[in-house]
Amino acid sequence: MNGKRLFLILVVLAAAAPIAVFAGGQGENAAPAAKVTLTVLDLNPEGGPAIDAANKLVMAKFPNLDIQHTTMNSRQYDQRIQALAASGDMPDVPTVQMFPQYKGMAQNKLFMDLRDTEIVKSGIFDPLALTSMTLADGSVYGLSWNFLAVGAFYNKDIFAKYNLDIPKDWDAFLQVCDTLKKNGVTPIVSPLGDGWTSMYPLFTAGNNILYAKDPNYDKELVAGQKKFNDPLWVETWSRVKTLYDRGYFGDNAMGGKYEQSLSDFANGKGAMLIIGSWVIPVFYQVNPNMHFSLFPVPFNNKGEKLYAMFESELGMAVSATSKHKAEALAYFKAFYAKEPYEAYLNGKKGFSNIKGINVAFDPSAKYIADNYLVKGLTFPYMSRSWPAGQDSLMFKLFQQVMLGQQSIPDALDEMDKFFKENMK
């Protein structure tokens, strides 16, 4: 893995809840003495069955532990978790991410600090996974579930029909898209009507245009030495807009919704979909007979190295107001043990972040694993050093730029203004 990942922390959110003091290690090995219900709220319905499979094994080990696992999509979750935080009625175990808004919630003491717990001190987590939810002061607010890869899923049967090979540079990618479009096939199924999905084409482009040429960009951005309205960022946005303007995202790109895009791709209504490996179980559910795989989106120029995007973004926290912290820690330790965690990985089709525990890669992820992950040709998400709200602004500006309502330089000027005003 690329060693130059930055784990800078940034701000924000509102209303703090007092964090309870809890000594590390207490109760992490012990089964509950009396019946306890542990509420788990999850923003990843795609991975819900995998969590349930692991939870079933955990509850078999702890008969007095009743895990109530509820899933909802990310839009519903964002609203729900904010309302629960405001009312002081957080679930025992909320889902958290490495994105700025969750770091802000952690800074406002809404989650228990896990740094002194036995599971963190044991060293079982890959450092990249652990550090993704670590603040600048060393506090750990969450434990990630697994690593994920982001790239272009492609329909192998459609590619074979038109004698297309996996493209490995920008020109080859455009040729593949053009061939598909000329033959009446939508090259890239669009989920872009949901703003947050714009990060995946933008960040995979940025990995190969900006990070590849300036691996220290994040550090320089925070230090005020670089800005968003930079030639490399302009090129990043310009290449994504080229795909949009040429109609490669389809005739109604901004009408495409995330959930529908998964179904459309699985049912052969387009040749590619730029998204992350967490959706693999959905494809199997929608169309068990589909033949698909995954490759890094080649925004790189011919002759340049191609990098895959690899991240650890989703995981579990313990609410600061939970009355069942000991039971939550016991749950965490049992979840990441060999049998439950392997059941989770097999269901989620995820890359393990626990040392010594691995499952065979899904065939659709094997290509990236063999050709990029093991060779260190990866970069993380580009929002690790952003203040809360910066990513939401980017989603809005992306839609305006793609629709021709704003120029790329003007949009990036807004990104710079927001960053300067909100960076602390």
Protein backbone atom coordinates (compact mmCIF):
# COMPACT_ATOMS: atom_id res chain seq x y z
CA MET A 1 0.00 0.00 0.00
CA ASN A 2 1.14 3.53 -0.65
CA GLY A 3 2.81 4.81 2.48
CA LYS A 4 2.05 8.46 1.98
CA ARG A 5 -1.45 8.51 3.37
CA LEU A 6 -2.29 11.44 5.55
CA PHE A 7 -4.48 11.21 8.57
CA LEU A 8 -5.08 14.90 9.31
CA ILE A 9 -8.06 15.72 11.34
CA LEU A 10 -10.58 18.41 10.93
CA VAL A 11 -13.34 19.97 12.59
CA VAL A 12 -16.76 20.78 13.28
CA LEU A 13 -20.33 19.93 14.11
CA ALA A 14 -22.37 21.05 16.97
CA ALA A 15 -23.54 20.21 20.42
CA ALA A 16 -21.32 18.03 22.49
CA ALA A 17 -22.42 15.25 24.79
CA PRO A 18 -20.20 14.50 27.81
CA ILE A 19 -18.09 11.41 27.32
CA ALA A 20 -18.17 8.78 30.01
CA VAL A 21 -14.93 7.51 31.47
CA PHE A 22 -14.34 3.83 30.82
CA ALA A 23 -11.20 1.90 31.64
CA GLY A 24 -9.76 -0.08 28.73
CA GLY A 25 -10.11 -3.83 28.92
CA GLN A 26 -12.98 -4.00 31.40
CA GLY A 27 -15.55 -6.49 30.24
CA GLU A 28 -14.02 -7.11 26.82
CA ASN A 29 -13.70 -10.83 27.45
CA ALA A 30 -16.76 -11.32 29.59
CA ALA A 31 -20.21 -12.48 28.57
CA PRO A 32 -23.06 -10.32 29.95
CA ALA A 33 -24.23 -11.71 33.29
CA ALA A 34 -27.82 -10.69 32.58
CA LYS A 35 -29.86 -10.18 29.44
CA VAL A 36 -28.65 -7.08 27.58
CA THR A 37 -29.97 -5.58 24.36
CA LEU A 38 -27.34 -3.83 22.27
CA THR A 39 -28.69 -1.49 19.59
CA VAL A 40 -26.65 -1.26 16.38
CA LEU A 41 -27.61 1.33 13.76
CA ASP A 42 -26.03 0.85 10.34
CA LEU A 43 -25.89 3.03 7.21
CA ASN A 44 -24.83 0.20 4.93
CA PRO A 45 -27.83 -1.94 3.94
CA GLU A 46 -25.72 -3.63 1.25
CA GLY A 47 -23.58 -5.15 3.97
CA GLY A 48 -26.45 -5.80 6.38
CA PRO A 49 -26.68 -9.57 5.76
CA ALA A 50 -22.94 -9.92 6.35
CA ILE A 51 -23.20 -8.09 9.68
CA ASP A 52 -26.16 -10.29 10.63
CA ALA A 53 -24.17 -13.45 9.84
CA ALA A 54 -21.36 -12.34 12.15
CA ASN A 55 -23.81 -11.19 14.83
CA LYS A 56 -25.49 -14.60 14.86
CA LEU A 57 -22.16 -16.21 15.75
CA VAL A 58 -21.46 -13.58 18.41
CA MET A 59 -24.86 -14.12 20.05
CA ALA A 60 -24.24 -17.87 20.05
CA LYS A 61 -21.13 -17.15 22.12
CA PHE A 62 -22.95 -14.66 24.37
CA PRO A 63 -26.52 -16.01 24.88
CA ASN A 64 -27.40 -13.08 27.14
CA LEU A 65 -26.51 -10.57 24.43
CA ASP A 66 -29.34 -9.57 22.09
CA ILE A 67 -27.99 -7.53 19.16
CA GLN A 68 -30.67 -5.44 17.48
CA HIS A 69 -29.15 -4.49 14.12
CA THR A 70 -31.03 -1.93 12.02
CA THR A 71 -29.92 -0.74 8.56
CA MET A 72 -30.94 2.24 6.46
CA ASN A 73 -29.47 4.00 3.46
CA SER A 74 -26.90 6.74 3.95
CA ARG A 75 -29.31 9.62 3.31
CA GLN A 76 -31.74 8.36 5.95
CA TYR A 77 -28.89 7.59 8.33
CA ASP A 78 -27.33 11.05 8.13
CA GLN A 79 -30.64 12.60 9.15
CA ARG A 80 -31.39 9.98 11.78
CA ILE A 81 -28.02 10.06 13.54
CA GLN A 82 -28.07 13.86 13.77
CA ALA A 83 -31.56 13.77 15.29
CA LEU A 84 -30.54 11.07 17.78
CA ALA A 85 -27.41 12.99 18.74
CA ALA A 86 -29.44 16.14 19.33
CA SER A 87 -31.93 14.26 21.51
CA GLY A 88 -29.25 12.36 23.46
CA ASP A 89 -30.74 9.05 22.37
CA MET A 90 -27.89 7.58 20.34
CA PRO A 91 -27.77 3.82 19.61
CA ASP A 92 -25.24 1.84 21.63
CA VAL A 93 -23.24 1.12 18.48
CA PRO A 94 -23.59 3.65 15.64
CA THR A 95 -21.94 3.30 12.26
CA VAL A 96 -19.15 5.83 11.69
CA GLN A 97 -16.96 6.79 8.76
CA MET A 98 -13.60 8.44 8.20
CA PHE A 99 -15.29 11.44 6.57
CA PRO A 100 -15.00 14.92 8.13
CA GLN A 101 -18.48 15.10 9.65
CA TYR A 102 -17.82 11.99 11.76
CA LYS A 103 -14.47 13.33 12.88
CA GLY A 104 -16.36 16.45 13.94
CA MET A 105 -18.83 14.35 15.92
CA ALA A 106 -15.90 12.57 17.57
CA GLN A 107 -14.28 15.89 18.47
CA ASN A 108 -17.57 16.86 20.08
CA LYS A 109 -17.33 13.75 22.29
CA LEU A 110 -20.31 11.91 20.85
CA PHE A 111 -18.34 8.65 20.67
CA MET A 112 -16.34 6.77 23.27
CA ASP A 113 -12.57 7.06 22.94
CA LEU A 114 -11.36 3.53 22.24
CA ARG A 115 -7.61 4.15 22.33
CA ASP A 116 -7.06 2.47 25.74
CA THR A 117 -9.31 -0.51 25.11
CA GLU A 118 -7.87 -3.98 24.84
CA ILE A 119 -9.03 -4.49 21.26
CA VAL A 120 -7.13 -1.41 20.08
CA LYS A 121 -4.04 -2.08 22.18
CA SER A 122 -3.90 -5.68 20.96
CA GLY A 123 -2.53 -4.53 17.60
CA ILE A 124 -4.83 -6.75 15.53
CA PHE A 125 -5.86 -3.93 13.17
CA ASP A 126 -3.90 -2.93 10.09
CA PRO A 127 -2.49 0.55 10.89
CA LEU A 128 -4.21 2.14 7.87
CA ALA A 129 -7.57 0.84 9.05
CA LEU A 130 -7.07 1.97 12.64
CA THR A 131 -5.66 5.38 11.81
CA SER A 132 -8.54 6.21 9.48
CA MET A 133 -10.69 6.81 12.59
CA THR A 134 -8.01 8.35 14.80
CA LEU A 135 -8.01 12.04 15.66
CA ALA A 136 -4.98 14.31 15.91
CA ASP A 137 -4.96 13.97 19.71
CA GLY A 138 -4.63 10.18 19.39
CA SER A 139 -8.22 9.34 20.32
CA VAL A 140 -9.80 6.48 18.39
CA TYR A 141 -13.51 6.94 17.74
CA GLY A 142 -14.27 3.87 15.65
CA LEU A 143 -13.13 0.49 14.34
CA SER A 144 -13.45 -0.03 10.61
CA TRP A 145 -15.11 -3.12 9.25
CA ASN A 146 -12.89 -3.78 6.26
CA PHE A 147 -10.97 -2.26 3.38
CA LEU A 148 -12.69 -1.48 0.10
CA ALA A 149 -11.53 -0.79 -3.44
CA VAL A 150 -13.12 1.76 -5.77
CA GLY A 151 -13.00 1.47 -9.53
CA ALA A 152 -14.98 0.64 -12.64
CA PHE A 153 -17.05 -2.50 -12.44
CA TYR A 154 -17.52 -3.87 -15.94
CA ASN A 155 -19.81 -6.39 -17.58
CA LYS A 156 -17.48 -9.07 -18.94
CA ASP A 157 -20.03 -10.33 -21.46
CA ILE A 158 -20.53 -6.87 -22.97
CA PHE A 159 -16.78 -6.31 -23.16
CA ALA A 160 -16.33 -9.69 -24.85
CA LYS A 161 -19.13 -8.98 -27.35
CA TYR A 162 -17.29 -5.90 -28.63
CA ASN A 163 -13.77 -7.36 -28.24
CA LEU A 164 -12.82 -4.83 -25.57
CA ASP A 165 -9.84 -5.21 -23.27
CA ILE A 166 -9.47 -3.65 -19.84
CA PRO A 167 -8.20 -0.10 -20.54
CA LYS A 168 -5.06 0.94 -18.70
CA ASP A 169 -4.76 4.61 -19.66
CA TRP A 170 -6.98 7.58 -20.45
CA ASP A 171 -6.89 7.28 -24.25
CA ALA A 172 -7.73 3.57 -24.11
CA PHE A 173 -10.59 4.29 -21.69
CA LEU A 174 -12.07 6.88 -24.05
CA GLN A 175 -11.81 4.41 -26.95
CA VAL A 176 -13.67 1.76 -24.94
CA CYS A 177 -16.42 4.26 -24.03
CA ASP A 178 -16.68 5.47 -27.62
CA THR A 179 -16.97 1.94 -29.01
CA LEU A 180 -19.73 1.12 -26.56
CA LYS A 181 -21.65 4.32 -27.26
CA LYS A 182 -21.46 3.83 -31.03
CA ASN A 183 -22.97 0.38 -30.56
CA GLY A 184 -25.90 1.70 -28.57
CA VAL A 185 -24.56 0.62 -25.16
CA THR A 186 -24.45 3.05 -22.25
CA PRO A 187 -20.74 3.06 -21.38
CA ILE A 188 -21.07 4.07 -17.70
CA VAL A 189 -24.27 3.62 -15.69
CA SER A 190 -24.88 6.85 -13.77
CA PRO A 191 -25.67 7.20 -10.05
CA LEU A 192 -24.79 10.92 -10.26
CA GLY A 193 -28.26 12.14 -9.38
CA ASP A 194 -27.25 11.35 -5.79
CA GLY A 195 -24.57 13.97 -5.25
CA TRP A 196 -22.32 11.92 -2.97
CA THR A 197 -21.57 9.42 -5.73
CA SER A 198 -19.66 12.13 -7.62
CA MET A 199 -16.72 11.56 -5.29
CA TYR A 200 -15.91 8.26 -6.99
CA PRO A 201 -15.13 9.51 -10.52
CA LEU A 202 -13.55 12.67 -9.08
CA PHE A 203 -11.38 10.89 -6.52
CA THR A 204 -10.29 8.09 -8.85
CA ALA A 205 -9.34 10.79 -11.35
CA GLY A 206 -7.56 12.79 -8.66
CA ASN A 207 -5.60 9.76 -7.49
CA ASN A 208 -4.07 9.40 -10.93
CA ILE A 209 -3.71 13.06 -11.84
CA LEU A 210 -3.07 14.92 -8.59
CA TYR A 211 -1.76 12.41 -6.02
CA ALA A 212 0.34 10.60 -8.62
CA LYS A 213 2.16 13.85 -9.41
CA ASP A 214 2.01 15.44 -5.95
CA PRO A 215 1.68 12.83 -3.17
CA ASN A 216 2.14 15.59 -0.56
CA TYR A 217 -0.78 17.64 -1.86
CA ASP A 218 -2.96 17.16 1.26
CA LYS A 219 -0.19 18.27 3.59
CA GLU A 220 0.57 21.27 1.39
CA LEU A 221 -3.13 22.16 1.17
CA VAL A 222 -3.48 22.25 4.95
CA ALA A 223 -0.28 24.31 5.23
CA GLY A 224 -1.67 26.87 2.79
CA GLN A 225 0.94 26.05 0.17
CA LYS A 226 -1.53 24.59 -2.33
CA LYS A 227 -5.14 25.24 -3.22
CA PHE A 228 -8.03 23.56 -4.97
CA ASN A 229 -7.90 25.89 -7.96
CA ASP A 230 -4.70 24.24 -9.08
CA PRO A 231 -3.90 23.03 -12.63
CA LEU A 232 -3.94 19.42 -11.45
CA TRP A 233 -7.40 19.80 -9.86
CA VAL A 234 -8.64 21.60 -12.98
CA GLU A 235 -7.42 18.66 -15.06
CA THR A 236 -9.09 16.21 -12.66
CA TRP A 237 -12.49 17.87 -13.02
CA SER A 238 -11.99 18.41 -16.76
CA ARG A 239 -11.47 14.73 -17.47
CA VAL A 240 -14.62 13.75 -15.60
CA LYS A 241 -16.52 16.47 -17.48
CA THR A 242 -15.20 15.03 -20.75
CA LEU A 243 -16.90 11.73 -19.90
CA TYR A 244 -20.08 13.61 -19.05
CA ASP A 245 -20.08 15.88 -22.11
CA ARG A 246 -19.51 12.98 -24.49
CA GLY A 247 -22.59 11.24 -23.12
CA TYR A 248 -20.68 8.32 -21.66
CA PHE A 249 -22.79 8.49 -18.47
CA GLY A 250 -25.95 8.10 -20.54
CA ASP A 251 -28.64 10.45 -21.77
CA ASN A 252 -29.92 11.45 -18.32
CA ALA A 253 -26.83 11.27 -16.14
CA MET A 254 -28.10 13.58 -13.41
CA GLY A 255 -31.32 11.59 -13.21
CA GLY A 256 -29.47 8.43 -12.24
CA LYS A 257 -29.88 7.33 -8.61
CA TYR A 258 -27.51 5.15 -6.61
CA GLU A 259 -29.81 2.21 -5.84
CA GLN A 260 -31.21 2.14 -9.37
CA SER A 261 -27.72 2.25 -10.87
CA LEU A 262 -26.79 -0.96 -9.05
CA SER A 263 -29.86 -2.71 -10.44
CA ASP A 264 -29.33 -1.30 -13.94
CA PHE A 265 -25.72 -2.42 -14.07
CA ALA A 266 -26.50 -5.88 -12.72
CA ASN A 267 -29.24 -6.25 -15.35
CA GLY A 268 -26.94 -5.34 -18.24
CA LYS A 269 -28.31 -1.84 -18.91
CA GLY A 270 -24.80 -0.43 -19.15
CA ALA A 271 -21.25 -1.69 -19.47
CA MET A 272 -19.56 -0.06 -16.47
CA LEU A 273 -20.30 1.50 -13.08
CA ILE A 274 -17.80 3.58 -11.09
CA ILE A 275 -18.36 2.67 -7.44
CA GLY A 276 -16.83 0.70 -4.56
CA SER A 277 -16.47 -2.99 -3.81
CA TRP A 278 -19.12 -2.88 -1.06
CA VAL A 279 -21.79 -3.24 -3.77
CA ILE A 280 -20.60 -6.69 -4.89
CA PRO A 281 -23.21 -8.58 -2.81
CA VAL A 282 -25.96 -6.49 -4.41
CA PHE A 283 -24.92 -7.56 -7.90
CA TYR A 284 -25.07 -11.22 -6.91
CA GLN A 285 -28.47 -10.71 -5.34
CA VAL A 286 -29.94 -8.91 -8.36
CA ASN A 287 -28.40 -11.14 -11.02
CA PRO A 288 -26.61 -14.28 -9.78
CA ASN A 289 -25.63 -15.19 -13.35
CA MET A 290 -23.90 -11.91 -14.16
CA HIS A 291 -20.22 -11.99 -15.15
CA PHE A 292 -18.42 -8.90 -13.89
CA SER A 293 -15.10 -7.71 -12.60
CA LEU A 294 -13.43 -4.51 -11.40
CA PHE A 295 -10.51 -2.40 -12.64
CA PRO A 296 -9.03 0.98 -11.60
CA VAL A 297 -10.50 3.84 -13.62
CA PRO A 298 -7.61 4.81 -15.92
CA PHE A 299 -7.46 8.60 -15.79
CA ASN A 300 -3.67 8.33 -16.17
CA ASN A 301 -1.83 9.27 -19.35
CA LYS A 302 -0.26 6.55 -21.47
CA GLY A 303 3.06 5.46 -20.03
CA GLU A 304 2.21 6.65 -16.51
CA LYS A 305 1.51 4.36 -13.57
CA LEU A 306 -2.11 3.57 -12.83
CA TYR A 307 -3.26 3.70 -9.19
CA ALA A 308 -6.27 2.05 -7.59
CA MET A 309 -8.30 3.74 -4.87
CA PHE A 310 -8.22 1.80 -1.60
CA GLU A 311 -9.83 2.94 1.63
CA SER A 312 -11.17 1.95 5.04
CA GLU A 313 -14.23 4.12 5.49
CA LEU A 314 -17.00 2.36 7.44
CA GLY A 315 -17.00 0.92 10.93
CA MET A 316 -18.48 0.86 14.42
CA ALA A 317 -18.27 3.22 17.36
CA VAL A 318 -19.62 3.15 20.90
CA SER A 319 -21.95 5.99 21.80
CA ALA A 320 -20.64 8.17 24.61
CA THR A 321 -24.05 7.98 26.26
CA SER A 322 -24.44 4.19 25.95
CA LYS A 323 -25.23 2.35 29.18
CA HIS A 324 -23.68 -0.82 27.75
CA LYS A 325 -20.08 0.13 26.96
CA ALA A 326 -18.62 -3.06 28.43
CA GLU A 327 -21.02 -5.18 26.39
CA ALA A 328 -20.26 -3.18 23.24
CA LEU A 329 -16.54 -3.81 23.72
CA ALA A 330 -17.17 -7.49 24.27
CA TYR A 331 -19.22 -7.47 21.09
CA PHE A 332 -16.40 -5.80 19.15
CA LYS A 333 -13.84 -8.30 20.34
CA ALA A 334 -16.10 -11.22 19.45
CA PHE A 335 -17.03 -9.73 16.06
CA TYR A 336 -13.39 -9.43 14.98
CA ALA A 337 -12.52 -12.97 16.10
CA LYS A 338 -11.78 -15.46 13.34
CA GLU A 339 -15.11 -17.22 12.75
CA PRO A 340 -17.49 -14.22 12.94
CA TYR A 341 -15.12 -11.94 11.02
CA GLU A 342 -14.59 -14.48 8.26
CA ALA A 343 -18.36 -14.88 7.98
CA TYR A 344 -18.62 -11.12 7.66
CA LEU A 345 -15.89 -10.89 5.00
CA ASN A 346 -17.39 -13.72 2.97
CA GLY A 347 -20.75 -12.00 2.97
CA LYS A 348 -19.45 -8.48 2.40
CA LYS A 349 -16.81 -9.50 -0.15
CA GLY A 350 -14.44 -7.25 1.74
CA PHE A 351 -10.69 -6.92 2.12
CA SER A 352 -9.62 -7.87 5.64
CA ASN A 353 -8.18 -5.23 7.95
CA ILE A 354 -7.39 -7.70 10.75
CA LYS A 355 -3.91 -9.19 10.83
CA GLY A 356 -3.86 -12.93 10.29
CA ILE A 357 -7.46 -13.22 9.09
CA ASN A 358 -8.14 -13.33 5.36
CA VAL A 359 -10.67 -14.88 3.03
CA ALA A 360 -10.32 -15.62 -0.66
CA PHE A 361 -10.96 -12.51 -2.73
CA ASP A 362 -14.11 -12.39 -4.75
CA PRO A 363 -13.17 -12.93 -8.41
CA SER A 364 -14.34 -9.41 -9.22
CA ALA A 365 -11.83 -7.93 -6.76
CA LYS A 366 -8.93 -10.28 -7.50
CA TYR A 367 -7.72 -8.26 -10.49
CA ILE A 368 -7.16 -5.12 -8.40
CA ALA A 369 -5.77 -7.13 -5.49
CA ASP A 370 -3.18 -8.92 -7.59
CA ASN A 371 -2.15 -6.04 -9.82
CA TYR A 372 -2.42 -3.00 -7.57
CA LEU A 373 -2.94 -3.67 -3.87
CA VAL A 374 -0.06 -6.09 -3.40
CA LYS A 375 2.20 -3.81 -5.45
CA GLY A 376 1.47 -0.70 -3.41
CA LEU A 377 -0.19 1.10 -6.33
CA THR A 378 -2.99 2.63 -4.27
CA PHE A 379 -4.10 5.97 -2.88
CA PRO A 380 -6.91 6.78 -0.39
CA TYR A 381 -9.90 9.08 -0.62
CA MET A 382 -8.99 12.71 -1.25
CA SER A 383 -11.15 14.15 1.55
CA ARG A 384 -9.15 13.00 4.57
CA SER A 385 -7.89 16.50 5.38
CA TRP A 386 -11.09 18.40 4.60
CA PRO A 387 -13.29 20.24 7.10
CA ALA A 388 -16.86 19.10 7.59
CA GLY A 389 -19.10 20.30 4.79
CA GLN A 390 -16.34 20.49 2.17
CA ASP A 391 -17.40 17.23 0.55
CA SER A 392 -21.07 18.30 0.45
CA LEU A 393 -20.04 21.54 -1.25
CA MET A 394 -18.07 19.54 -3.80
CA PHE A 395 -21.11 17.38 -4.58
CA LYS A 396 -23.22 20.48 -5.27
CA LEU A 397 -20.54 22.15 -7.37
CA PHE A 398 -19.95 18.97 -9.34
CA GLN A 399 -23.54 18.91 -10.52
CA GLN A 400 -23.40 22.60 -11.45
CA VAL A 401 -20.19 22.12 -13.42
CA MET A 402 -21.42 19.04 -15.26
CA LEU A 403 -24.66 20.83 -16.20
CA GLY A 404 -22.69 23.83 -17.49
CA GLN A 405 -24.03 26.16 -14.81
CA GLN A 406 -20.58 27.04 -13.48
CA SER A 407 -17.00 26.88 -14.74
CA ILE A 408 -14.46 24.54 -13.19
CA PRO A 409 -12.15 27.39 -12.02
CA ASP A 410 -15.07 29.21 -10.38
CA ALA A 411 -16.19 26.00 -8.63
CA LEU A 412 -12.68 25.38 -7.36
CA ASP A 413 -12.47 28.97 -6.14
CA GLU A 414 -15.55 28.22 -4.01
CA MET A 415 -13.81 25.09 -2.70
CA ASP A 416 -10.82 27.21 -1.71
CA LYS A 417 -12.94 29.86 -0.02
CA PHE A 418 -14.84 27.27 2.03
CA PHE A 419 -11.64 25.45 3.01
CA LYS A 420 -9.98 28.65 4.21
CA GLU A 421 -13.04 29.73 6.21
CA ASN A 422 -13.67 26.37 7.84
CA MET A 423 -10.20 24.92 8.32
CA LYS A 424 -9.19 25.11 11.98
